[in-house]
Amino acid sequence: MKLGRGYKASEACIGWGSFRKGLLPVPPMNLPRFIPYNRDAAVAYAHQWAYRRNPAYYDYEKLGGDCTNFASQCLYAGSGVMNFTPTYGWYYRDANNKSPAWTGVEYFHNFMVRNQVNPGPFGEVSDMNRVDLGDFVQLRFSGRETYSHTPIIVSIGEPRNLSTILVAAHSYDADYRPLNSYQIEAMRFIHILGVYPPNVQTFFPRTQNPAPMP
């Protein structure tokens, strides 16, 4: 299995700064280690449930929309790690016991691009040229002031543009939908870098800081 942009799973345990610069050095021992994001599993889940609802999860379609709930399900299928921190984590136990980041567009974004080293998937704001399958795009529709939709990228064609990047989503259920078919004012991409394991705080306590981000 390969991690995004050609990284192999065995190369996933690398430092923040070097990872973001595209380098693959041997990391210092005090840098946080993480496990690779299984993009194939996330995309397979998206195809399986794009037009259906997994009974293991509540359908929020009539409570503001189900798009980020579906995005979180896909991400969990490829990561396998939740973060059960009250309020600021990323988790789902049942319809009434979940974190805001599991179903909220802005909260999802904030959790994924956080600076803290704690359990769960993490990523960075990216652009169209650096995203991979299993990454996410958030859309701000015409006439709205905030982002309100979180599809998952399931196909990327060549040449890479908004008509060849295809997504799956709930709330206006879709699979293999081109990004240029949405009437939007803005979009932002979230590239998933990896997954911190549940015991990452035990291995790397807060007093042992990771390398600073560039």
Protein backbone atom coordinates (compact mmCIF):
# COMPACT_ATOMS: atom_id res chain seq x y z
CA MET A 1 0.00 0.00 0.00
CA LYS A 2 1.17 3.52 -0.71
CA LEU A 3 0.56 6.68 1.24
CA GLY A 4 -0.34 9.81 -0.74
CA ARG A 5 2.14 11.22 -3.23
CA GLY A 6 3.99 7.92 -3.51
CA TYR A 7 4.99 7.38 0.13
CA LYS A 8 5.12 3.76 1.19
CA ALA A 9 3.52 2.61 4.42
CA SER A 10 6.96 1.75 5.80
CA GLU A 11 7.98 5.39 5.29
CA ALA A 12 5.01 6.86 7.15
CA CYS A 13 6.81 7.47 10.45
CA ILE A 14 8.54 10.72 9.63
CA GLY A 15 8.78 14.22 11.05
CA TRP A 16 6.37 17.10 10.51
CA GLY A 17 8.66 19.51 8.71
CA SER A 18 10.31 16.93 6.47
CA PHE A 19 6.96 15.34 5.63
CA ARG A 20 5.48 18.63 4.54
CA LYS A 21 8.57 19.40 2.44
CA GLY A 22 8.34 16.00 0.73
CA LEU A 23 11.57 14.63 2.22
CA LEU A 24 12.07 11.18 3.72
CA PRO A 25 14.94 11.34 6.25
CA VAL A 26 15.42 9.10 9.25
CA PRO A 27 13.40 10.91 11.95
CA PRO A 28 14.75 11.92 15.36
CA MET A 29 13.38 9.71 18.09
CA ASN A 30 11.42 12.50 19.75
CA LEU A 31 9.21 13.18 16.72
CA PRO A 32 5.67 11.78 16.84
CA ARG A 33 5.12 8.63 14.82
CA PHE A 34 1.90 7.91 12.96
CA ILE A 35 0.32 5.18 10.90
CA PRO A 36 -0.64 5.49 7.23
CA TYR A 37 -4.11 6.44 6.09
CA ASN A 38 -5.70 3.62 4.09
CA ARG A 39 -7.02 5.57 1.13
CA ASP A 40 -8.29 2.49 -0.68
CA ALA A 41 -10.50 1.57 2.29
CA ALA A 42 -11.89 5.09 2.57
CA VAL A 43 -12.77 5.26 -1.13
CA ALA A 44 -14.26 1.76 -1.13
CA TYR A 45 -16.50 2.76 1.77
CA ALA A 46 -17.56 5.89 -0.10
CA HIS A 47 -18.62 3.87 -3.15
CA GLN A 48 -20.45 1.33 -0.99
CA TRP A 49 -22.55 3.85 0.92
CA ALA A 50 -22.81 6.90 -1.37
CA TYR A 51 -26.45 6.17 -2.22
CA ARG A 52 -27.31 4.27 0.94
CA ARG A 53 -27.09 4.72 4.70
CA ASN A 54 -24.98 2.50 6.95
CA PRO A 55 -27.32 1.43 9.79
CA ALA A 56 -24.41 1.65 12.24
CA TYR A 57 -24.65 5.46 11.99
CA TYR A 58 -27.53 7.87 12.40
CA ASP A 59 -28.73 9.66 9.27
CA TYR A 60 -28.63 13.43 9.89
CA GLU A 61 -30.23 14.28 6.54
CA LYS A 62 -33.21 15.97 8.21
CA LEU A 63 -31.08 17.62 10.91
CA GLY A 64 -28.97 19.93 8.80
CA GLY A 65 -27.48 17.40 6.39
CA ASP A 66 -25.50 14.17 6.40
CA CYS A 67 -22.48 15.16 4.30
CA THR A 68 -19.83 15.50 7.01
CA ASN A 69 -21.19 12.50 8.90
CA PHE A 70 -20.60 10.51 5.71
CA ALA A 71 -17.16 12.08 5.21
CA SER A 72 -16.23 11.09 8.77
CA GLN A 73 -17.43 7.53 8.18
CA CYS A 74 -15.23 7.29 5.09
CA LEU A 75 -12.28 8.74 6.96
CA TYR A 76 -12.79 6.34 9.86
CA ALA A 77 -12.93 3.41 7.42
CA GLY A 78 -9.45 4.41 6.30
CA SER A 79 -8.02 5.40 9.67
CA GLY A 80 -9.61 3.21 12.35
CA VAL A 81 -8.85 5.69 15.15
CA MET A 82 -11.25 8.11 16.83
CA ASN A 83 -10.40 10.85 19.29
CA PHE A 84 -12.70 10.78 22.31
CA THR A 85 -11.66 14.15 23.73
CA PRO A 86 -14.88 15.87 24.88
CA THR A 87 -15.99 18.71 22.62
CA TYR A 88 -12.76 19.00 20.64
CA GLY A 89 -12.23 15.39 19.56
CA TRP A 90 -13.50 13.42 16.58
CA TYR A 91 -15.72 10.49 17.48
CA TYR A 92 -19.12 8.84 17.11
CA ARG A 93 -20.76 6.57 19.69
CA ASP A 94 -24.43 7.09 18.80
CA ALA A 95 -26.76 9.75 17.44
CA ASN A 96 -26.61 11.79 20.64
CA ASN A 97 -23.04 11.05 21.66
CA LYS A 98 -20.66 12.39 19.03
CA SER A 99 -18.20 15.21 18.67
CA PRO A 100 -19.02 18.39 16.70
CA ALA A 101 -16.16 17.52 14.33
CA TRP A 102 -17.88 14.29 13.29
CA THR A 103 -20.80 16.09 11.64
CA GLY A 104 -19.91 19.79 11.42
CA VAL A 105 -18.11 21.16 8.38
CA GLU A 106 -16.03 23.80 10.15
CA TYR A 107 -15.34 21.56 13.16
CA PHE A 108 -14.20 18.76 10.84
CA HIS A 109 -11.79 21.16 9.16
CA ASN A 110 -10.47 22.49 12.45
CA PHE A 111 -9.82 19.03 13.86
CA MET A 112 -8.05 17.74 10.76
CA VAL A 113 -5.63 20.67 10.46
CA ARG A 114 -4.95 20.97 14.22
CA ASN A 115 -1.41 21.51 15.46
CA GLN A 116 -1.79 19.29 18.51
CA VAL A 117 -0.41 15.76 18.54
CA ASN A 118 -3.32 13.61 19.71
CA PRO A 119 -5.17 10.50 18.48
CA GLY A 120 -6.90 10.37 15.13
CA PRO A 121 -6.34 11.38 11.51
CA PHE A 122 -4.69 14.70 10.73
CA GLY A 123 -3.95 16.70 7.64
CA GLU A 124 -3.34 20.07 6.08
CA VAL A 125 -5.12 22.54 3.86
CA SER A 126 -3.95 21.76 0.35
CA ASP A 127 -4.71 22.62 -3.25
CA MET A 128 -6.03 20.80 -6.27
CA ASN A 129 -2.58 19.76 -7.44
CA ARG A 130 -1.56 18.01 -4.21
CA VAL A 131 -4.65 16.05 -3.18
CA ASP A 132 -5.02 12.29 -3.38
CA LEU A 133 -7.86 9.81 -3.43
CA GLY A 134 -9.52 9.73 -0.03
CA ASP A 135 -8.84 13.40 0.64
CA PHE A 136 -11.66 15.88 1.17
CA VAL A 137 -12.91 19.08 -0.38
CA GLN A 138 -15.15 21.55 1.41
CA LEU A 139 -17.47 23.78 -0.57
CA ARG A 140 -18.98 27.20 0.06
CA PHE A 141 -22.07 27.65 -2.05
CA SER A 142 -23.20 30.85 -3.70
CA GLY A 143 -24.89 33.22 -1.28
CA ARG A 144 -23.45 31.57 1.84
CA GLU A 145 -20.78 32.93 4.15
CA THR A 146 -19.47 29.60 5.45
CA TYR A 147 -18.41 26.25 4.04
CA SER A 148 -21.29 23.79 4.21
CA HIS A 149 -20.43 20.62 2.27
CA THR A 150 -17.69 17.97 2.67
CA PRO A 151 -17.38 15.49 -0.23
CA ILE A 152 -14.62 12.87 -0.43
CA ILE A 153 -12.42 12.60 -3.52
CA VAL A 154 -12.88 9.20 -5.20
CA SER A 155 -11.27 9.69 -8.60
CA ILE A 156 -8.64 11.99 -10.13
CA GLY A 157 -8.18 12.08 -13.87
CA GLU A 158 -5.69 13.74 -16.18
CA PRO A 159 -5.24 16.53 -16.85
CA ARG A 160 -6.07 17.37 -13.27
CA ASN A 161 -8.83 19.98 -13.07
CA LEU A 162 -12.28 20.49 -11.54
CA SER A 163 -13.92 18.36 -14.21
CA THR A 164 -11.61 15.36 -13.65
CA ILE A 165 -11.66 15.40 -9.83
CA LEU A 166 -14.69 13.31 -8.89
CA VAL A 167 -16.29 13.09 -5.47
CA ALA A 168 -18.81 11.11 -3.44
CA ALA A 169 -21.13 12.70 -0.88
CA HIS A 170 -24.34 12.53 1.12
CA SER A 171 -26.94 15.31 1.14
CA TYR A 172 -27.40 15.58 -2.58
CA ASP A 173 -26.15 11.99 -2.68
CA ALA A 174 -23.51 11.51 -5.33
CA ASP A 175 -20.71 9.25 -6.51
CA TYR A 176 -18.17 10.06 -9.22
CA ARG A 177 -19.55 13.62 -9.36
CA PRO A 178 -17.25 16.21 -11.00
CA LEU A 179 -16.35 19.14 -8.80
CA ASN A 180 -17.19 21.59 -11.57
CA SER A 181 -20.84 20.48 -11.42
CA TYR A 182 -21.31 22.35 -8.12
CA GLN A 183 -22.36 25.99 -8.12
CA ILE A 184 -19.92 27.36 -5.56
CA GLU A 185 -18.09 30.52 -4.57
CA ALA A 186 -15.12 28.86 -2.88
CA MET A 187 -13.56 25.51 -2.10
CA ARG A 188 -10.74 24.23 0.09
CA PHE A 189 -9.00 20.87 0.02
CA ILE A 190 -7.95 18.85 3.08
CA HIS A 191 -5.07 16.46 2.44
CA ILE A 192 -4.87 13.69 5.05
CA LEU A 193 -1.26 13.12 6.11
CA GLY A 194 -1.65 10.18 8.47
CA VAL A 195 -3.22 8.90 11.67
CA TYR A 196 -1.95 9.26 15.21
CA PRO A 197 -2.57 6.03 17.18
CA PRO A 198 -4.77 5.97 20.30
CA ASN A 199 -1.76 5.85 22.64
CA VAL A 200 0.22 8.63 20.94
CA GLN A 201 0.05 10.79 24.09
CA THR A 202 1.62 7.97 26.08
CA PHE A 203 4.49 7.56 23.64
CA PHE A 204 4.96 11.29 23.17
CA PRO A 205 3.89 13.30 26.23
CA ARG A 206 3.29 17.01 25.84
CA THR A 207 6.63 17.79 27.49
CA GLN A 208 8.35 16.10 24.52
CA ASN A 209 7.41 18.40 21.68
CA PRO A 210 7.48 17.40 18.00
CA ALA A 211 9.56 19.37 15.55
CA PRO A 212 7.95 22.74 14.76
CA MET A 213 5.89 23.03 11.60
CA PRO A 214 7.45 25.11 8.85
